Structures are given as structure tokens and as C-alpha cells.
Amino acid sequence: MCDTKTIDPNYPITFEELREYLRVSKYTLQDYLAEGLGRQAGFKVGKEWRFMPLDVIEWLKDRHKRNFKTSKNILTKNELQLIASRAIKAEISRH
């Protein structure tokens, strides 16, 4: 088991160590890899992943910023209805 107090942020850690360090499931970590974690913060030794903890933290911060910006662009059902209503009124007034 990985003790987060003994993690050297400048030393690569394994997939399992990172999973324990972040306290996430292996499926969540696999999702992170699919989102690009491996390209920015990891590398392979043979078939096994290694990760630089500082790079992982930086990637997670960037991911949070991307998700926050995206979530601000999500419209509620009422907002969508209002936009559709205005578009319909504008189209009707043109004819």
C-alpha cells in the first residue's frame, strides 16, 4: 500500500501507487488515461505505466479548469426554451 507521506513528487510511481495516492478506483484512473493523463504525466516501462506525481497534480488542475469552463456553458432547460422561443419569434417576424 502506498503511503502518501512517503511519495517523492520527483520520483515516478506505478499505476497502483497513483491510484492509492489519488484514492480513486482503477476505472477512474483508466478514464484519466483515456482523457490524456498518460501523454502529459506518464510514460511506459515495458507494459507498465509510471507517473510523475507533480505532473499528475498539474494535469488534474488543468482538467478541473477545463471542466469548470465547460460546465459554465451548460444551459438549463428553461434557458434552452427561452432561446428557442426567441428564435421562433424572430423567424416569424421576418415573414
N, C-alpha and C. Protein backbone atom coordinates (compact mmCIF):
# COMPACT_ATOMS: atom_id res chain seq x y z
N MET A 1 0.84 -1.19 0.00
CA MET A 1 0.00 0.00 0.00
C MET A 1 0.88 1.24 0.00
N CYS A 2 0.47 2.23 -0.71
CA CYS A 2 1.23 3.46 -0.87
C CYS A 2 0.87 4.45 0.24
N ASP A 3 1.86 4.93 0.94
CA ASP A 3 1.64 5.94 1.97
C ASP A 3 1.92 7.30 1.34
N THR A 4 0.90 8.16 1.27
CA THR A 4 1.06 9.45 0.59
C THR A 4 2.14 10.30 1.23
N LYS A 5 2.47 10.04 2.48
CA LYS A 5 3.51 10.82 3.14
C LYS A 5 4.90 10.46 2.62
N THR A 6 5.03 9.29 2.01
CA THR A 6 6.35 8.87 1.53
C THR A 6 6.53 9.06 0.03
N ILE A 7 5.54 9.64 -0.63
CA ILE A 7 5.65 9.87 -2.08
C ILE A 7 6.64 10.99 -2.33
N ASP A 8 7.64 10.69 -3.15
CA ASP A 8 8.58 11.72 -3.60
C ASP A 8 8.00 12.28 -4.89
N PRO A 9 7.59 13.55 -4.92
CA PRO A 9 6.92 14.10 -6.10
C PRO A 9 7.80 14.13 -7.35
N ASN A 10 9.10 13.95 -7.17
CA ASN A 10 10.01 13.97 -8.32
C ASN A 10 10.41 12.58 -8.77
N TYR A 11 9.82 11.55 -8.16
CA TYR A 11 10.16 10.17 -8.48
C TYR A 11 8.94 9.48 -9.06
N PRO A 12 9.10 8.76 -10.18
CA PRO A 12 7.94 8.12 -10.80
C PRO A 12 7.31 7.05 -9.90
N ILE A 13 5.97 6.96 -9.99
CA ILE A 13 5.24 5.95 -9.24
C ILE A 13 4.42 5.09 -10.20
N THR A 14 4.02 3.92 -9.75
CA THR A 14 3.28 2.98 -10.59
C THR A 14 1.80 3.36 -10.67
N PHE A 15 1.10 2.66 -11.54
CA PHE A 15 -0.35 2.84 -11.69
C PHE A 15 -1.04 2.63 -10.35
N GLU A 16 -0.71 1.53 -9.68
CA GLU A 16 -1.35 1.20 -8.41
C GLU A 16 -1.00 2.23 -7.33
N GLU A 17 0.24 2.68 -7.30
CA GLU A 17 0.63 3.70 -6.31
C GLU A 17 -0.13 5.00 -6.56
N LEU A 18 -0.28 5.36 -7.84
CA LEU A 18 -1.02 6.58 -8.17
C LEU A 18 -2.49 6.44 -7.79
N ARG A 19 -3.05 5.27 -8.07
CA ARG A 19 -4.45 5.02 -7.72
C ARG A 19 -4.66 5.20 -6.22
N GLU A 20 -3.76 4.65 -5.42
CA GLU A 20 -3.86 4.78 -3.97
C GLU A 20 -3.60 6.22 -3.52
N TYR A 21 -2.64 6.86 -4.17
CA TYR A 21 -2.29 8.25 -3.83
C TYR A 21 -3.48 9.18 -4.06
N LEU A 22 -4.17 8.98 -5.19
CA LEU A 22 -5.33 9.82 -5.53
C LEU A 22 -6.61 9.33 -4.86
N ARG A 23 -6.56 8.12 -4.32
CA ARG A 23 -7.73 7.50 -3.69
C ARG A 23 -8.90 7.40 -4.66
N VAL A 24 -8.60 6.85 -5.84
CA VAL A 24 -9.62 6.63 -6.86
C VAL A 24 -9.61 5.16 -7.26
N SER A 25 -10.66 4.74 -7.93
CA SER A 25 -10.72 3.36 -8.42
C SER A 25 -9.83 3.21 -9.64
N LYS A 26 -9.54 1.96 -9.98
CA LYS A 26 -8.72 1.73 -11.17
C LYS A 26 -9.47 2.20 -12.42
N TYR A 27 -10.81 2.15 -12.36
CA TYR A 27 -11.61 2.58 -13.51
C TYR A 27 -11.52 4.10 -13.71
N THR A 28 -11.52 4.84 -12.62
CA THR A 28 -11.36 6.29 -12.71
C THR A 28 -10.00 6.63 -13.29
N LEU A 29 -8.98 5.95 -12.82
CA LEU A 29 -7.63 6.20 -13.33
C LEU A 29 -7.52 5.82 -14.81
N GLN A 30 -8.19 4.75 -15.21
CA GLN A 30 -8.21 4.38 -16.62
C GLN A 30 -8.93 5.45 -17.45
N ASP A 31 -9.99 6.03 -16.89
CA ASP A 31 -10.67 7.14 -17.57
C ASP A 31 -9.73 8.32 -17.73
N TYR A 32 -8.96 8.62 -16.70
CA TYR A 32 -7.99 9.71 -16.77
C TYR A 32 -6.97 9.44 -17.88
N LEU A 33 -6.53 8.19 -18.00
CA LEU A 33 -5.59 7.85 -19.07
C LEU A 33 -6.23 8.10 -20.43
N ALA A 34 -7.49 7.72 -20.56
CA ALA A 34 -8.20 7.94 -21.83
C ALA A 34 -8.35 9.43 -22.14
N GLU A 35 -8.40 10.26 -21.09
CA GLU A 35 -8.53 11.72 -21.27
C GLU A 35 -7.18 12.38 -21.55
N GLY A 36 -6.08 11.64 -21.43
CA GLY A 36 -4.78 12.22 -21.76
C GLY A 36 -3.78 12.29 -20.63
N LEU A 37 -4.09 11.73 -19.48
CA LEU A 37 -3.15 11.77 -18.36
C LEU A 37 -1.80 11.17 -18.73
N GLY A 38 -1.81 10.04 -19.42
CA GLY A 38 -0.56 9.37 -19.78
C GLY A 38 0.33 10.21 -20.67
N ARG A 39 -0.27 10.96 -21.59
CA ARG A 39 0.54 11.78 -22.50
C ARG A 39 1.24 12.92 -21.77
N GLN A 40 0.61 13.47 -20.74
CA GLN A 40 1.19 14.62 -20.06
C GLN A 40 2.02 14.24 -18.83
N ALA A 41 1.59 13.22 -18.11
CA ALA A 41 2.22 12.96 -16.81
C ALA A 41 2.78 11.56 -16.67
N GLY A 42 2.68 10.75 -17.71
CA GLY A 42 3.11 9.37 -17.57
C GLY A 42 3.99 8.90 -18.71
N PHE A 43 4.52 7.72 -18.50
CA PHE A 43 5.31 7.05 -19.53
C PHE A 43 5.27 5.57 -19.22
N LYS A 44 5.59 4.77 -20.20
CA LYS A 44 5.55 3.33 -20.01
C LYS A 44 6.96 2.77 -19.86
N VAL A 45 7.06 1.80 -18.96
CA VAL A 45 8.27 1.00 -18.80
C VAL A 45 7.80 -0.41 -19.15
N GLY A 46 8.14 -0.86 -20.35
CA GLY A 46 7.57 -2.11 -20.84
C GLY A 46 6.09 -1.92 -21.05
N LYS A 47 5.28 -2.72 -20.37
CA LYS A 47 3.82 -2.60 -20.48
C LYS A 47 3.22 -1.84 -19.31
N GLU A 48 4.04 -1.41 -18.37
CA GLU A 48 3.53 -0.78 -17.16
C GLU A 48 3.70 0.74 -17.19
N TRP A 49 2.68 1.43 -16.68
CA TRP A 49 2.71 2.88 -16.59
C TRP A 49 3.51 3.34 -15.38
N ARG A 50 4.18 4.48 -15.55
CA ARG A 50 4.82 5.20 -14.45
C ARG A 50 4.36 6.65 -14.58
N PHE A 51 4.20 7.30 -13.44
CA PHE A 51 3.68 8.67 -13.43
C PHE A 51 4.54 9.54 -12.53
N MET A 52 4.70 10.79 -12.95
CA MET A 52 5.39 11.78 -12.13
C MET A 52 4.31 12.51 -11.32
N PRO A 53 4.32 12.37 -9.99
CA PRO A 53 3.26 12.96 -9.16
C PRO A 53 3.01 14.44 -9.40
N LEU A 54 4.06 15.24 -9.55
CA LEU A 54 3.85 16.68 -9.78
C LEU A 54 3.13 16.93 -11.10
N ASP A 55 3.48 16.15 -12.12
CA ASP A 55 2.83 16.30 -13.42
C ASP A 55 1.36 15.86 -13.35
N VAL A 56 1.09 14.82 -12.56
CA VAL A 56 -0.29 14.36 -12.39
C VAL A 56 -1.13 15.46 -11.73
N ILE A 57 -0.60 16.06 -10.70
CA ILE A 57 -1.32 17.13 -10.00
C ILE A 57 -1.59 18.29 -10.95
N GLU A 58 -0.61 18.64 -11.76
CA GLU A 58 -0.77 19.72 -12.74
C GLU A 58 -1.86 19.35 -13.75
N TRP A 59 -1.85 18.09 -14.22
CA TRP A 59 -2.86 17.63 -15.17
C TRP A 59 -4.25 17.71 -14.55
N LEU A 60 -4.38 17.30 -13.29
CA LEU A 60 -5.68 17.35 -12.61
C LEU A 60 -6.17 18.79 -12.46
N LYS A 61 -5.25 19.71 -12.18
CA LYS A 61 -5.64 21.13 -12.08
C LYS A 61 -6.15 21.63 -13.43
N ASP A 62 -5.43 21.29 -14.51
CA ASP A 62 -5.86 21.69 -15.86
C ASP A 62 -7.21 21.07 -16.21
N ARG A 63 -7.39 19.81 -15.85
CA ARG A 63 -8.65 19.11 -16.11
C ARG A 63 -9.80 19.80 -15.38
N HIS A 64 -9.56 20.17 -14.15
CA HIS A 64 -10.59 20.87 -13.37
C HIS A 64 -10.96 22.20 -14.04
N LYS A 65 -9.95 22.94 -14.50
CA LYS A 65 -10.21 24.21 -15.18
C LYS A 65 -11.03 23.98 -16.45
N ARG A 66 -10.65 22.95 -17.23
CA ARG A 66 -11.39 22.65 -18.47
C ARG A 66 -12.84 22.29 -18.15
N ASN A 67 -13.04 21.45 -17.15
CA ASN A 67 -14.39 21.03 -16.79
C ASN A 67 -15.20 22.20 -16.25
N PHE A 68 -14.57 23.08 -15.49
CA PHE A 68 -15.27 24.24 -14.95
C PHE A 68 -15.72 25.16 -16.08
N LYS A 69 -14.83 25.41 -17.04
CA LYS A 69 -15.19 26.27 -18.17
C LYS A 69 -16.32 25.64 -18.96
N THR A 70 -16.27 24.33 -19.16
CA THR A 70 -17.31 23.64 -19.91
C THR A 70 -18.63 23.69 -19.17
N SER A 71 -18.59 23.46 -17.87
CA SER A 71 -19.84 23.43 -17.11
C SER A 71 -20.52 24.79 -17.09
N LYS A 72 -19.76 25.87 -17.22
CA LYS A 72 -20.36 27.20 -17.26
C LYS A 72 -21.14 27.41 -18.55
N ASN A 73 -20.85 26.60 -19.58
CA ASN A 73 -21.52 26.74 -20.86
C ASN A 73 -22.75 25.86 -20.99
N ILE A 74 -23.07 25.10 -19.96
CA ILE A 74 -24.24 24.23 -19.99
C ILE A 74 -25.48 25.06 -19.69
N LEU A 75 -26.49 24.91 -20.54
CA LEU A 75 -27.73 25.66 -20.38
C LEU A 75 -28.78 24.81 -19.68
N THR A 76 -29.60 25.45 -18.89
CA THR A 76 -30.71 24.76 -18.25
C THR A 76 -31.83 24.57 -19.27
N LYS A 77 -32.80 23.75 -18.92
CA LYS A 77 -33.95 23.52 -19.80
C LYS A 77 -34.70 24.82 -20.05
N ASN A 78 -34.87 25.63 -19.01
CA ASN A 78 -35.58 26.91 -19.16
C ASN A 78 -34.82 27.86 -20.09
N GLU A 79 -33.49 27.88 -19.96
CA GLU A 79 -32.69 28.75 -20.83
C GLU A 79 -32.80 28.30 -22.28
N LEU A 80 -32.78 26.99 -22.52
CA LEU A 80 -32.93 26.48 -23.88
C LEU A 80 -34.30 26.82 -24.45
N GLN A 81 -35.34 26.70 -23.62
CA GLN A 81 -36.69 27.04 -24.08
C GLN A 81 -36.79 28.53 -24.42
N LEU A 82 -36.18 29.37 -23.62
CA LEU A 82 -36.20 30.81 -23.87
C LEU A 82 -35.49 31.14 -25.18
N ILE A 83 -34.34 30.53 -25.40
CA ILE A 83 -33.59 30.75 -26.65
C ILE A 83 -34.41 30.29 -27.84
N ALA A 84 -35.01 29.10 -27.73
CA ALA A 84 -35.84 28.57 -28.83
C ALA A 84 -37.03 29.48 -29.10
N SER A 85 -37.66 29.94 -28.03
CA SER A 85 -38.82 30.82 -28.17
C SER A 85 -38.43 32.11 -28.89
N ARG A 86 -37.32 32.70 -28.50
CA ARG A 86 -36.86 33.94 -29.15
C ARG A 86 -36.52 33.70 -30.62
N ALA A 87 -35.91 32.55 -30.90
CA ALA A 87 -35.55 32.24 -32.29
C ALA A 87 -36.80 32.08 -33.14
N ILE A 88 -37.81 31.43 -32.59
CA ILE A 88 -39.07 31.24 -33.32
C ILE A 88 -39.74 32.59 -33.57
N LYS A 89 -39.79 33.45 -32.55
CA LYS A 89 -40.40 34.78 -32.70
C LYS A 89 -39.65 35.59 -33.74
N ALA A 90 -38.34 35.51 -33.74
CA ALA A 90 -37.53 36.25 -34.71
C ALA A 90 -37.80 35.74 -36.12
N GLU A 91 -37.94 34.44 -36.27
CA GLU A 91 -38.22 33.85 -37.58
C GLU A 91 -39.60 34.26 -38.08
N ILE A 92 -40.58 34.26 -37.19
CA ILE A 92 -41.95 34.65 -37.55
C ILE A 92 -41.99 36.12 -37.97
N SER A 93 -41.29 36.97 -37.24
CA SER A 93 -41.32 38.41 -37.55
C SER A 93 -40.64 38.72 -38.88
N ARG A 94 -39.78 37.86 -39.36
CA ARG A 94 -39.13 38.08 -40.66
C ARG A 94 -40.08 37.82 -41.81
N HIS A 95 -41.11 37.02 -41.60
CA HIS A 95 -42.02 36.64 -42.69
C HIS A 95 -43.20 37.51 -42.73
